[in-house]
Amino acid sequence: MKTIVESFNDYRSEMNEKILSEKNITLNRFFNLDMHAYDNGALDKKTKELLGLVASMVLRCDDCIRYHLGKAHEVGVTKAELFEVFAIANLVGGSICIPHTRRAVEFWEALNQE
C-alpha cells in the first residue's frame, strides 16, 4: 500500500505530465515560472519554500502545502523551523488554518518516515 507521500507525488507527477503534454503555451510557461521562482536568488531556496508554505497554508491549499513540505524536507528544514512557519501561518490565517496544520504535521511525519 502506498504512503500518503507516494500517493501525492505519483498523482501530481501523472497529472502534471498530462497537463504539460498538451503543450498549452500559457500553462507550460506558468509551470516553468513557478518552478524557477524557487531557485536561489536574493533569497535562498529554503526561505522561498517556507514562504510558499505559509502562503499555501493561509490560502488553505492542501496540495500546495504538501508540495512545499516535500521541498522543505529536501532542503533540510528542521521540525523547529517548520513549527515556526505553522505559527506564522496560523497567526496570519486564523483558526481556519488549524485543520491544515494537522494535515501538514501528518504529511511531515510521513516524509520523515521515508
PDB file of N, CA and C in Angstrom:
ATOM      1  N   MET A   1       0.842  -1.187   0.000  1.00  0.00           N
ATOM      2  CA  MET A   1       0.000   0.000   0.000  1.00  0.00           C
ATOM      3  C   MET A   1       0.887   1.250   0.000  1.00  0.00           C
ATOM      4  N   LYS A   2       0.525   2.220  -0.807  1.00  0.00           N
ATOM      5  CA  LYS A   2       1.307   3.446  -0.916  1.00  0.00           C
ATOM      6  C   LYS A   2       1.127   4.326   0.319  1.00  0.00           C
ATOM      7  N   THR A   3       2.190   5.047   0.639  1.00  0.00           N
ATOM      8  CA  THR A   3       2.097   6.037   1.710  1.00  0.00           C
ATOM      9  C   THR A   3       1.401   7.280   1.171  1.00  0.00           C
ATOM     10  N   ILE A   4       1.019   8.183   2.079  1.00  0.00           N
ATOM     11  CA  ILE A   4       0.395   9.432   1.615  1.00  0.00           C
ATOM     12  C   ILE A   4       1.370  10.244   0.772  1.00  0.00           C
ATOM     13  N   VAL A   5       2.657  10.139   1.080  1.00  0.00           N
ATOM     14  CA  VAL A   5       3.669  10.861   0.300  1.00  0.00           C
ATOM     15  C   VAL A   5       3.757  10.282  -1.105  1.00  0.00           C
ATOM     16  N   GLU A   6       3.837   8.963  -1.213  1.00  0.00           N
ATOM     17  CA  GLU A   6       3.912   8.323  -2.531  1.00  0.00           C
ATOM     18  C   GLU A   6       2.659   8.596  -3.353  1.00  0.00           C
ATOM     19  N   SER A   7       1.506   8.487  -2.735  1.00  0.00           N
ATOM     20  CA  SER A   7       0.247   8.735  -3.446  1.00  0.00           C
ATOM     21  C   SER A   7       0.192  10.157  -3.976  1.00  0.00           C
ATOM     22  N   PHE A   8       0.553  11.118  -3.129  1.00  0.00           N
ATOM     23  CA  PHE A   8       0.537  12.517  -3.551  1.00  0.00           C
ATOM     24  C   PHE A   8       1.517  12.751  -4.699  1.00  0.00           C
ATOM     25  N   ASN A   9       2.760  12.299  -4.536  1.00  0.00           N
ATOM     26  CA  ASN A   9       3.783  12.538  -5.557  1.00  0.00           C
ATOM     27  C   ASN A   9       3.445  11.847  -6.874  1.00  0.00           C
ATOM     28  N   ASP A  10       2.933  10.620  -6.808  1.00  0.00           N
ATOM     29  CA  ASP A  10       2.569   9.903  -8.032  1.00  0.00           C
ATOM     30  C   ASP A  10       1.438  10.609  -8.770  1.00  0.00           C
ATOM     31  N   TYR A  11       0.404  10.997  -8.031  1.00  0.00           N
ATOM     32  CA  TYR A  11      -0.734  11.679  -8.646  1.00  0.00           C
ATOM     33  C   TYR A  11      -0.289  13.004  -9.267  1.00  0.00           C
ATOM     34  N   ARG A  12       0.492  13.774  -8.521  1.00  0.00           N
ATOM     35  CA  ARG A  12       0.958  15.071  -9.007  1.00  0.00           C
ATOM     36  C   ARG A  12       1.774  14.902 -10.290  1.00  0.00           C
ATOM     37  N   SER A  13       2.687  13.950 -10.297  1.00  0.00           N
ATOM     38  CA  SER A  13       3.518  13.716 -11.483  1.00  0.00           C
ATOM     39  C   SER A  13       2.675  13.299 -12.683  1.00  0.00           C
ATOM     40  N   GLU A  14       1.756  12.361 -12.455  1.00  0.00           N
ATOM     41  CA  GLU A  14       0.903  11.879 -13.544  1.00  0.00           C
ATOM     42  C   GLU A  14       0.072  13.014 -14.141  1.00  0.00           C
ATOM     43  N   MET A  15      -0.544  13.807 -13.305  1.00  0.00           N
ATOM     44  CA  MET A  15      -1.408  14.872 -13.805  1.00  0.00           C
ATOM     45  C   MET A  15      -0.601  16.006 -14.430  1.00  0.00           C
ATOM     46  N   ASN A  16       0.540  16.336 -13.859  1.00  0.00           N
ATOM     47  CA  ASN A  16       1.387  17.369 -14.464  1.00  0.00           C
ATOM     48  C   ASN A  16       1.839  16.941 -15.857  1.00  0.00           C
ATOM     49  N   GLU A  17       2.180  15.663 -15.988  1.00  0.00           N
ATOM     50  CA  GLU A  17       2.598  15.152 -17.290  1.00  0.00           C
ATOM     51  C   GLU A  17       1.471  15.304 -18.318  1.00  0.00           C
ATOM     52  N   LYS A  18       0.255  14.987 -17.916  1.00  0.00           N
ATOM     53  CA  LYS A  18      -0.885  15.131 -18.823  1.00  0.00           C
ATOM     54  C   LYS A  18      -1.115  16.599 -19.204  1.00  0.00           C
ATOM     55  N   ILE A  19      -1.026  17.468 -18.213  1.00  0.00           N
ATOM     56  CA  ILE A  19      -1.235  18.898 -18.477  1.00  0.00           C
ATOM     57  C   ILE A  19      -0.165  19.440 -19.415  1.00  0.00           C
ATOM     58  N   LEU A  20       1.093  19.150 -19.107  1.00  0.00           N
ATOM     59  CA  LEU A  20       2.195  19.687 -19.914  1.00  0.00           C
ATOM     60  C   LEU A  20       2.252  19.066 -21.301  1.00  0.00           C
ATOM     61  N   SER A  21       1.784  17.833 -21.447  1.00  0.00           N
ATOM     62  CA  SER A  21       1.821  17.177 -22.762  1.00  0.00           C
ATOM     63  C   SER A  21       0.881  17.838 -23.773  1.00  0.00           C
ATOM     64  N   GLU A  22      -0.059  18.615 -23.303  1.00  0.00           N
ATOM     65  CA  GLU A  22      -0.955  19.330 -24.214  1.00  0.00           C
ATOM     66  C   GLU A  22      -0.269  20.513 -24.881  1.00  0.00           C
ATOM     67  N   LYS A  23       0.890  20.873 -24.357  1.00  0.00           N
ATOM     68  CA  LYS A  23       1.719  21.941 -24.934  1.00  0.00           C
ATOM     69  C   LYS A  23       0.982  23.276 -25.052  1.00  0.00           C
ATOM     70  N   ASN A  24       0.140  23.556 -24.057  1.00  0.00           N
ATOM     71  CA  ASN A  24      -0.510  24.862 -23.997  1.00  0.00           C
ATOM     72  C   ASN A  24       0.551  25.859 -23.541  1.00  0.00           C
ATOM     73  N   ILE A  25       0.843  26.824 -24.362  1.00  0.00           N
ATOM     74  CA  ILE A  25       1.972  27.723 -24.109  1.00  0.00           C
ATOM     75  C   ILE A  25       1.818  28.481 -22.781  1.00  0.00           C
ATOM     76  N   THR A  26       0.612  28.911 -22.476  1.00  0.00           N
ATOM     77  CA  THR A  26       0.402  29.663 -21.234  1.00  0.00           C
ATOM     78  C   THR A  26       0.620  28.779 -20.019  1.00  0.00           C
ATOM     79  N   LEU A  27       0.026  27.590 -20.019  1.00  0.00           N
ATOM     80  CA  LEU A  27       0.203  26.679 -18.885  1.00  0.00           C
ATOM     81  C   LEU A  27       1.660  26.246 -18.746  1.00  0.00           C
ATOM     82  N   ASN A  28       2.298  25.913 -19.867  1.00  0.00           N
ATOM     83  CA  ASN A  28       3.695  25.485 -19.791  1.00  0.00           C
ATOM     84  C   ASN A  28       4.598  26.603 -19.273  1.00  0.00           C
ATOM     85  N   ARG A  29       4.357  27.815 -19.710  1.00  0.00           N
ATOM     86  CA  ARG A  29       5.155  28.939 -19.220  1.00  0.00           C
ATOM     87  C   ARG A  29       4.904  29.189 -17.737  1.00  0.00           C
ATOM     88  N   PHE A  30       3.648  29.041 -17.309  1.00  0.00           N
ATOM     89  CA  PHE A  30       3.341  29.230 -15.895  1.00  0.00           C
ATOM     90  C   PHE A  30       4.048  28.179 -15.047  1.00  0.00           C
ATOM     91  N   PHE A  31       3.982  26.927 -15.464  1.00  0.00           N
ATOM     92  CA  PHE A  31       4.663  25.858 -14.725  1.00  0.00           C
ATOM     93  C   PHE A  31       6.160  26.145 -14.652  1.00  0.00           C
ATOM     94  N   ASN A  32       6.749  26.604 -15.763  1.00  0.00           N
ATOM     95  CA  ASN A  32       8.173  26.923 -15.806  1.00  0.00           C
ATOM     96  C   ASN A  32       8.511  28.078 -14.857  1.00  0.00           C
ATOM     97  N   LEU A  33       7.692  29.110 -14.881  1.00  0.00           N
ATOM     98  CA  LEU A  33       7.890  30.252 -13.991  1.00  0.00           C
ATOM     99  C   LEU A  33       7.815  29.813 -12.528  1.00  0.00           C
ATOM    100  N   ASP A  34       6.796  29.025 -12.219  1.00  0.00           N
ATOM    101  CA  ASP A  34       6.618  28.539 -10.848  1.00  0.00           C
ATOM    102  C   ASP A  34       7.831  27.731 -10.396  1.00  0.00           C
ATOM    103  N   MET A  35       8.326  26.863 -11.259  1.00  0.00           N
ATOM    104  CA  MET A  35       9.469  26.025 -10.914  1.00  0.00           C
ATOM    105  C   MET A  35      10.710  26.886 -10.634  1.00  0.00           C
ATOM    106  N   HIS A  36      10.961  27.860 -11.476  1.00  0.00           N
ATOM    107  CA  HIS A  36      12.181  28.654 -11.348  1.00  0.00           C
ATOM    108  C   HIS A  36      12.086  29.756 -10.290  1.00  0.00           C
ATOM    109  N   ALA A  37      10.902  30.120  -9.897  1.00  0.00           N
ATOM    110  CA  ALA A  37      10.749  31.159  -8.870  1.00  0.00           C
ATOM    111  C   ALA A  37      11.366  30.731  -7.540  1.00  0.00           C
ATOM    112  N   TYR A  38      11.481  29.441  -7.306  1.00  0.00           N
ATOM    113  CA  TYR A  38      12.010  28.934  -6.032  1.00  0.00           C
ATOM    114  C   TYR A  38      13.500  28.646  -6.077  1.00  0.00           C
ATOM    115  N   ASP A  39      14.164  28.972  -7.196  1.00  0.00           N
ATOM    116  CA  ASP A  39      15.616  28.837  -7.268  1.00  0.00           C
ATOM    117  C   ASP A  39      16.284  29.854  -6.340  1.00  0.00           C
ATOM    118  N   ASN A  40      17.530  29.589  -5.990  1.00  0.00           N
ATOM    119  CA  ASN A  40      18.295  30.552  -5.192  1.00  0.00           C
ATOM    120  C   ASN A  40      18.375  31.883  -5.918  1.00  0.00           C
ATOM    121  N   GLY A  41      18.234  32.939  -5.166  1.00  0.00           N
ATOM    122  CA  GLY A  41      18.359  34.300  -5.676  1.00  0.00           C
ATOM    123  C   GLY A  41      18.756  35.163  -4.508  1.00  0.00           C
ATOM    124  N   ALA A  42      18.168  36.338  -4.385  1.00  0.00           N
ATOM    125  CA  ALA A  42      18.422  37.170  -3.207  1.00  0.00           C
ATOM    126  C   ALA A  42      18.000  36.413  -1.947  1.00  0.00           C
ATOM    127  N   LEU A  43      16.967  35.579  -2.090  1.00  0.00           N
ATOM    128  CA  LEU A  43      16.552  34.662  -1.016  1.00  0.00           C
ATOM    129  C   LEU A  43      16.950  33.253  -1.427  1.00  0.00           C
ATOM    130  N   ASP A  44      17.373  32.453  -0.453  1.00  0.00           N
ATOM    131  CA  ASP A  44      17.736  31.080  -0.780  1.00  0.00           C
ATOM    132  C   ASP A  44      16.493  30.198  -0.915  1.00  0.00           C
ATOM    133  N   LYS A  45      16.688  29.007  -1.478  1.00  0.00           N
ATOM    134  CA  LYS A  45      15.589  28.071  -1.720  1.00  0.00           C
ATOM    135  C   LYS A  45      14.805  27.766  -0.447  1.00  0.00           C
ATOM    136  N   LYS A  46      15.528  27.560   0.629  1.00  0.00           N
ATOM    137  CA  LYS A  46      14.886  27.201   1.898  1.00  0.00           C
ATOM    138  C   LYS A  46      13.901  28.284   2.328  1.00  0.00           C
ATOM    139  N   THR A  47      14.339  29.525   2.286  1.00  0.00           N
ATOM    140  CA  THR A  47      13.477  30.641   2.673  1.00  0.00           C
ATOM    141  C   THR A  47      12.265  30.717   1.748  1.00  0.00           C
ATOM    142  N   LYS A  48      12.496  30.550   0.455  1.00  0.00           N
ATOM    143  CA  LYS A  48      11.398  30.619  -0.501  1.00  0.00           C
ATOM    144  C   LYS A  48      10.388  29.496  -0.285  1.00  0.00           C
ATOM    145  N   GLU A  49      10.857  28.304   0.026  1.00  0.00           N
ATOM    146  CA  GLU A  49       9.931  27.198   0.299  1.00  0.00           C
ATOM    147  C   GLU A  49       9.107  27.475   1.556  1.00  0.00           C
ATOM    148  N   LEU A  50       9.733  28.059   2.564  1.00  0.00           N
ATOM    149  CA  LEU A  50       8.996  28.396   3.784  1.00  0.00           C
ATOM    150  C   LEU A  50       7.965  29.484   3.517  1.00  0.00           C
ATOM    151  N   LEU A  51       8.309  30.440   2.668  1.00  0.00           N
ATOM    152  CA  LEU A  51       7.340  31.470   2.275  1.00  0.00           C
ATOM    153  C   LEU A  51       6.183  30.843   1.497  1.00  0.00           C
ATOM    154  N   GLY A  52       6.507  29.941   0.591  1.00  0.00           N
ATOM    155  CA  GLY A  52       5.481  29.249  -0.165  1.00  0.00           C
ATOM    156  C   GLY A  52       4.570  28.436   0.742  1.00  0.00           C
ATOM    157  N   LEU A  53       5.151  27.838   1.771  1.00  0.00           N
ATOM    158  CA  LEU A  53       4.366  27.049   2.715  1.00  0.00           C
ATOM    159  C   LEU A  53       3.407  27.927   3.506  1.00  0.00           C
ATOM    160  N   VAL A  54       3.877  29.062   3.985  1.00  0.00           N
ATOM    161  CA  VAL A  54       2.991  29.986   4.715  1.00  0.00           C
ATOM    162  C   VAL A  54       1.843  30.432   3.811  1.00  0.00           C
ATOM    163  N   ALA A  55       2.176  30.843   2.594  1.00  0.00           N
ATOM    164  CA  ALA A  55       1.134  31.297   1.674  1.00  0.00           C
ATOM    165  C   ALA A  55       0.131  30.181   1.387  1.00  0.00           C
ATOM    166  N   SER A  56       0.619  28.977   1.199  1.00  0.00           N
ATOM    167  CA  SER A  56      -0.264  27.844   0.913  1.00  0.00           C
ATOM    168  C   SER A  56      -1.183  27.539   2.083  1.00  0.00           C
ATOM    169  N   MET A  57      -0.659  27.665   3.293  1.00  0.00           N
ATOM    170  CA  MET A  57      -1.489  27.407   4.473  1.00  0.00           C
ATOM    171  C   MET A  57      -2.561  28.486   4.628  1.00  0.00           C
ATOM    172  N   VAL A  58      -2.172  29.727   4.423  1.00  0.00           N
ATOM    173  CA  VAL A  58      -3.130  30.822   4.548  1.00  0.00           C
ATOM    174  C   VAL A  58      -4.200  30.725   3.451  1.00  0.00           C
ATOM    175  N   LEU A  59      -3.797  30.280   2.266  1.00  0.00           N
ATOM    176  CA  LEU A  59      -4.743  30.112   1.167  1.00  0.00           C
ATOM    177  C   LEU A  59      -5.499  28.787   1.254  1.00  0.00           C
ATOM    178  N   ARG A  60      -5.103  27.951   2.197  1.00  0.00           N
ATOM    179  CA  ARG A  60      -5.775  26.677   2.505  1.00  0.00           C
ATOM    180  C   ARG A  60      -5.770  25.701   1.324  1.00  0.00           C
ATOM    181  N   CYS A  61      -4.585  25.543   0.728  1.00  0.00           N
ATOM    182  CA  CYS A  61      -4.415  24.616  -0.387  1.00  0.00           C
ATOM    183  C   CYS A  61      -3.604  23.408   0.086  1.00  0.00           C
ATOM    184  N   ASP A  62      -4.292  22.308   0.406  1.00  0.00           N
ATOM    185  CA  ASP A  62      -3.589  21.130   0.914  1.00  0.00           C
ATOM    186  C   ASP A  62      -2.570  20.573  -0.074  1.00  0.00           C
ATOM    187  N   ASP A  63      -2.885  20.568  -1.377  1.00  0.00           N
ATOM    188  CA  ASP A  63      -1.902  20.094  -2.353  1.00  0.00           C
ATOM    189  C   ASP A  63      -0.653  20.971  -2.326  1.00  0.00           C
ATOM    190  N   CYS A  64      -0.839  22.282  -2.257  1.00  0.00           N
ATOM    191  CA  CYS A  64       0.298  23.207  -2.215  1.00  0.00           C
ATOM    192  C   CYS A  64       1.100  23.014  -0.922  1.00  0.00           C
ATOM    193  N   ILE A  65       0.402  22.817   0.168  1.00  0.00           N
ATOM    194  CA  ILE A  65       1.067  22.587   1.452  1.00  0.00           C
ATOM    195  C   ILE A  65       1.941  21.343   1.348  1.00  0.00           C
ATOM    196  N   ARG A  66       1.388  20.259   0.825  1.00  0.00           N
ATOM    197  CA  ARG A  66       2.152  19.022   0.694  1.00  0.00           C
ATOM    198  C   ARG A  66       3.354  19.213  -0.228  1.00  0.00           C
ATOM    199  N   TYR A  67       3.157  19.912  -1.321  1.00  0.00           N
ATOM    200  CA  TYR A  67       4.269  20.160  -2.246  1.00  0.00           C
ATOM    201  C   TYR A  67       5.389  20.905  -1.531  1.00  0.00           C
ATOM    202  N   HIS A  68       5.052  21.992  -0.850  1.00  0.00           N
ATOM    203  CA  HIS A  68       6.081  22.793  -0.182  1.00  0.00           C
ATOM    204  C   HIS A  68       6.694  22.060   1.002  1.00  0.00           C
ATOM    205  N   LEU A  69       5.930  21.218   1.679  1.00  0.00           N
ATOM    206  CA  LEU A  69       6.511  20.390   2.735  1.00  0.00           C
ATOM    207  C   LEU A  69       7.563  19.446   2.157  1.00  0.00           C
ATOM    208  N   GLY A  70       7.254  18.836   1.026  1.00  0.00           N
ATOM    209  CA  GLY A  70       8.218  17.950   0.378  1.00  0.00           C
ATOM    210  C   GLY A  70       9.489  18.681  -0.003  1.00  0.00           C
ATOM    211  N   LYS A  71       9.332  19.854  -0.591  1.00  0.00           N
ATOM    212  CA  LYS A  71      10.506  20.648  -0.973  1.00  0.00           C
ATOM    213  C   LYS A  71      11.268  21.133   0.268  1.00  0.00           C
ATOM    214  N   ALA A  72      10.538  21.535   1.302  1.00  0.00           N
ATOM    215  CA  ALA A  72      11.182  21.968   2.546  1.00  0.00           C
ATOM    216  C   ALA A  72      11.988  20.823   3.150  1.00  0.00           C
ATOM    217  N   HIS A  73      11.440  19.631   3.093  1.00  0.00           N
ATOM    218  CA  HIS A  73      12.144  18.455   3.599  1.00  0.00           C
ATOM    219  C   HIS A  73      13.435  18.234   2.807  1.00  0.00           C
ATOM    220  N   GLU A  74      13.343  18.376   1.483  1.00  0.00           N
ATOM    221  CA  GLU A  74      14.515  18.200   0.614  1.00  0.00           C
ATOM    222  C   GLU A  74      15.627  19.195   0.927  1.00  0.00           C
ATOM    223  N   VAL A  75      15.265  20.434   1.295  1.00  0.00           N
ATOM    224  CA  VAL A  75      16.301  21.459   1.537  1.00  0.00           C
ATOM    225  C   VAL A  75      16.711  21.543   3.004  1.00  0.00           C
ATOM    226  N   GLY A  76      16.264  20.605   3.817  1.00  0.00           N
ATOM    227  CA  GLY A  76      16.766  20.499   5.182  1.00  0.00           C
ATOM    228  C   GLY A  76      16.061  21.323   6.241  1.00  0.00           C
ATOM    229  N   VAL A  77      14.820  21.674   6.017  1.00  0.00           N
ATOM    230  CA  VAL A  77      14.069  22.399   7.043  1.00  0.00           C
ATOM    231  C   VAL A  77      13.939  21.497   8.274  1.00  0.00           C
ATOM    232  N   THR A  78      14.143  22.079   9.427  1.00  0.00           N
ATOM    233  CA  THR A  78      14.030  21.328  10.675  1.00  0.00           C
ATOM    234  C   THR A  78      12.598  21.378  11.201  1.00  0.00           C
ATOM    235  N   LYS A  79      12.310  20.490  12.133  1.00  0.00           N
ATOM    236  CA  LYS A  79      10.986  20.475  12.754  1.00  0.00           C
ATOM    237  C   LYS A  79      10.719  21.789  13.477  1.00  0.00           C
ATOM    238  N   ALA A  80      11.725  22.332  14.145  1.00  0.00           N
ATOM    239  CA  ALA A  80      11.562  23.604  14.863  1.00  0.00           C
ATOM    240  C   ALA A  80      11.245  24.734  13.880  1.00  0.00           C
ATOM    241  N   GLU A  81      11.954  24.779  12.749  1.00  0.00           N
ATOM    242  CA  GLU A  81      11.671  25.799  11.728  1.00  0.00           C
ATOM    243  C   GLU A  81      10.264  25.629  11.179  1.00  0.00           C
ATOM    244  N   LEU A  82       9.885  24.399  10.937  1.00  0.00           N
ATOM    245  CA  LEU A  82       8.561  24.115  10.405  1.00  0.00           C
ATOM    246  C   LEU A  82       7.462  24.607  11.341  1.00  0.00           C
ATOM    247  N   PHE A  83       7.627  24.360  12.626  1.00  0.00           N
ATOM    248  CA  PHE A  83       6.594  24.777  13.564  1.00  0.00           C
ATOM    249  C   PHE A  83       6.539  26.294  13.729  1.00  0.00           C
ATOM    250  N   GLU A  84       7.640  26.984  13.480  1.00  0.00           N
ATOM    251  CA  GLU A  84       7.584  28.445  13.456  1.00  0.00           C
ATOM    252  C   GLU A  84       6.779  28.914  12.241  1.00  0.00           C
ATOM    253  N   VAL A  85       6.944  28.222  11.121  1.00  0.00           N
ATOM    254  CA  VAL A  85       6.143  28.525   9.930  1.00  0.00           C
ATOM    255  C   VAL A  85       4.666  28.290  10.232  1.00  0.00           C
ATOM    256  N   PHE A  86       4.358  27.168  10.859  1.00  0.00           N
ATOM    257  CA  PHE A  86       2.967  26.882  11.227  1.00  0.00           C
ATOM    258  C   PHE A  86       2.407  27.992  12.123  1.00  0.00           C
ATOM    259  N   ALA A  87       3.211  28.460  13.053  1.00  0.00           N
ATOM    260  CA  ALA A  87       2.758  29.520  13.958  1.00  0.00           C
ATOM    261  C   ALA A  87       2.427  30.794  13.186  1.00  0.00           C
ATOM    262  N   ILE A  88       3.298  31.172  12.267  1.00  0.00           N
ATOM    263  CA  ILE A  88       3.062  32.382  11.469  1.00  0.00           C
ATOM    264  C   ILE A  88       1.822  32.196  10.592  1.00  0.00           C
ATOM    265  N   ALA A  89       1.697  31.045   9.966  1.00  0.00           N
ATOM    266  CA  ALA A  89       0.539  30.791   9.093  1.00  0.00           C
ATOM    267  C   ALA A  89      -0.767  30.868   9.879  1.00  0.00           C
ATOM    268  N   ASN A  90      -0.781  30.308  11.083  1.00  0.00           N
ATOM    269  CA  ASN A  90      -1.993  30.354  11.895  1.00  0.00           C
ATOM    270  C   ASN A  90      -2.263  31.762  12.408  1.00  0.00           C
ATOM    271  N   LEU A  91      -1.217  32.493  12.703  1.00  0.00           N
ATOM    272  CA  LEU A  91      -1.373  33.868  13.139  1.00  0.00           C
ATOM    273  C   LEU A  91      -1.971  34.721  12.019  1.00  0.00           C
ATOM    274  N   VAL A  92      -1.425  34.577  10.826  1.00  0.00           N
ATOM    275  CA  VAL A  92      -1.893  35.363   9.684  1.00  0.00           C
ATOM    276  C   VAL A  92      -3.252  34.864   9.194  1.00  0.00           C
ATOM    277  N   GLY A  93      -3.403  33.553   9.099  1.00  0.00           N
ATOM    278  CA  GLY A  93      -4.603  32.976   8.507  1.00  0.00           C
ATOM    279  C   GLY A  93      -5.753  32.740   9.458  1.00  0.00           C
ATOM    280  N   GLY A  94      -5.466  32.703  10.740  1.00  0.00           N
ATOM    281  CA  GLY A  94      -6.513  32.464  11.727  1.00  0.00           C
ATOM    282  C   GLY A  94      -6.770  30.987  11.967  1.00  0.00           C
ATOM    283  N   SER A  95      -7.762  30.735  12.779  1.00  0.00           N
ATOM    284  CA  SER A  95      -8.029  29.370  13.217  1.00  0.00           C
ATOM    285  C   SER A  95      -8.453  28.445  12.077  1.00  0.00           C
ATOM    286  N   ILE A  96      -8.854  28.996  10.947  1.00  0.00           N
ATOM    287  CA  ILE A  96      -9.208  28.167   9.795  1.00  0.00           C
ATOM    288  C   ILE A  96      -7.997  27.364   9.308  1.00  0.00           C
ATOM    289  N   CYS A  97      -6.792  27.792   9.686  1.00  0.00           N
ATOM    290  CA  CYS A  97      -5.565  27.091   9.282  1.00  0.00           C
ATOM    291  C   CYS A  97      -5.266  25.869  10.155  1.00  0.00           C
ATOM    292  N   ILE A  98      -5.941  25.743  11.287  1.00  0.00           N
ATOM    293  CA  ILE A  98      -5.639  24.634  12.203  1.00  0.00           C
ATOM    294  C   ILE A  98      -5.823  23.270  11.536  1.00  0.00           C
ATOM    295  N   PRO A  99      -6.927  23.005  10.823  1.00  0.00           N
ATOM    296  CA  PRO A  99      -7.044  21.695  10.166  1.00  0.00           C
ATOM    297  C   PRO A  99      -5.922  21.430   9.157  1.00  0.00           C
ATOM    298  N   HIS A 100      -5.477  22.479   8.480  1.00  0.00           N
ATOM    299  CA  HIS A 100      -4.389  22.332   7.516  1.00  0.00           C
ATOM    300  C   HIS A 100      -3.071  22.060   8.238  1.00  0.00           C
ATOM    301  N   THR A 101      -2.917  22.635   9.413  1.00  0.00           N
ATOM    302  CA  THR A 101      -1.727  22.366  10.219  1.00  0.00           C
ATOM    303  C   THR A 101      -1.713  20.902  10.643  1.00  0.00           C
ATOM    304  N   ARG A 102      -2.861  20.390  11.030  1.00  0.00           N
ATOM    305  CA  ARG A 102      -2.940  18.966  11.407  1.00  0.00           C
ATOM    306  C   ARG A 102      -2.497  18.079  10.247  1.00  0.00           C
ATOM    307  N   ARG A 103      -3.044  18.338   9.069  1.00  0.00           N
ATOM    308  CA  ARG A 103      -2.690  17.520   7.909  1.00  0.00           C
ATOM    309  C   ARG A 103      -1.238  17.733   7.507  1.00  0.00           C
ATOM    310  N   ALA A 104      -0.729  18.935   7.700  1.00  0.00           N
ATOM    311  CA  ALA A 104       0.675  19.216   7.393  1.00  0.00           C
ATOM    312  C   ALA A 104       1.591  18.425   8.320  1.00  0.00           C
ATOM    313  N   VAL A 105       1.246  18.363   9.591  1.00  0.00           N
ATOM    314  CA  VAL A 105       2.052  17.588  10.543  1.00  0.00           C
ATOM    315  C   VAL A 105       2.033  16.110  10.153  1.00  0.00           C
ATOM    316  N   GLU A 106       0.866  15.607   9.779  1.00  0.00           N
ATOM    317  CA  GLU A 106       0.754  14.206   9.354  1.00  0.00           C
ATOM    318  C   GLU A 106       1.653  13.937   8.146  1.00  0.00           C
ATOM    319  N   PHE A 107       1.629  14.846   7.162  1.00  0.00           N
ATOM    320  CA  PHE A 107       2.438  14.672   5.954  1.00  0.00           C
ATOM    321  C   PHE A 107       3.924  14.790   6.280  1.00  0.00           C
ATOM    322  N   TRP A 108       4.288  15.729   7.138  1.00  0.00           N
ATOM    323  CA  TRP A 108       5.690  15.897   7.536  1.00  0.00           C
ATOM    324  C   TRP A 108       6.201  14.626   8.219  1.00  0.00           C
ATOM    325  N   GLU A 109       5.389  14.062   9.087  1.00  0.00           N
ATOM    326  CA  GLU A 109       5.787  12.820   9.754  1.00  0.00           C
ATOM    327  C   GLU A 109       5.983  11.694   8.738  1.00  0.00           C
ATOM    328  N   ALA A 110       5.104  11.637   7.734  1.00  0.00           N
ATOM    329  CA  ALA A 110       5.253  10.627   6.688  1.00  0.00           C
ATOM    330  C   ALA A 110       6.532  10.847   5.879  1.00  0.00           C
ATOM    331  N   LEU A 111       6.856  12.099   5.588  1.00  0.00           N
ATOM    332  CA  LEU A 111       8.106  12.401   4.886  1.00  0.00           C
ATOM    333  C   LEU A 111       9.310  11.913   5.683  1.00  0.00           C
ATOM    334  N   ASN A 112       9.254  12.077   6.973  1.00  0.00           N
ATOM    335  CA  ASN A 112      10.389  11.686   7.814  1.00  0.00           C
ATOM    336  C   ASN A 112      10.471  10.183   8.054  1.00  0.00           C
ATOM    337  N   GLN A 113       9.431   9.458   7.725  1.00  0.00           N
ATOM    338  CA  GLN A 113       9.447   8.001   7.853  1.00  0.00           C
ATOM    339  C   GLN A 113       9.998   7.340   6.597  1.00  0.00           C
ATOM    340  N   GLU A 114      10.076   8.101   5.520  1.00  0.00           N
ATOM    341  CA  GLU A 114      10.548   7.523   4.255  1.00  0.00           C
ATOM    342  C   GLU A 114      12.050   7.489   4.173  1.00  0.00           C
TER     343      GLU A 114
END
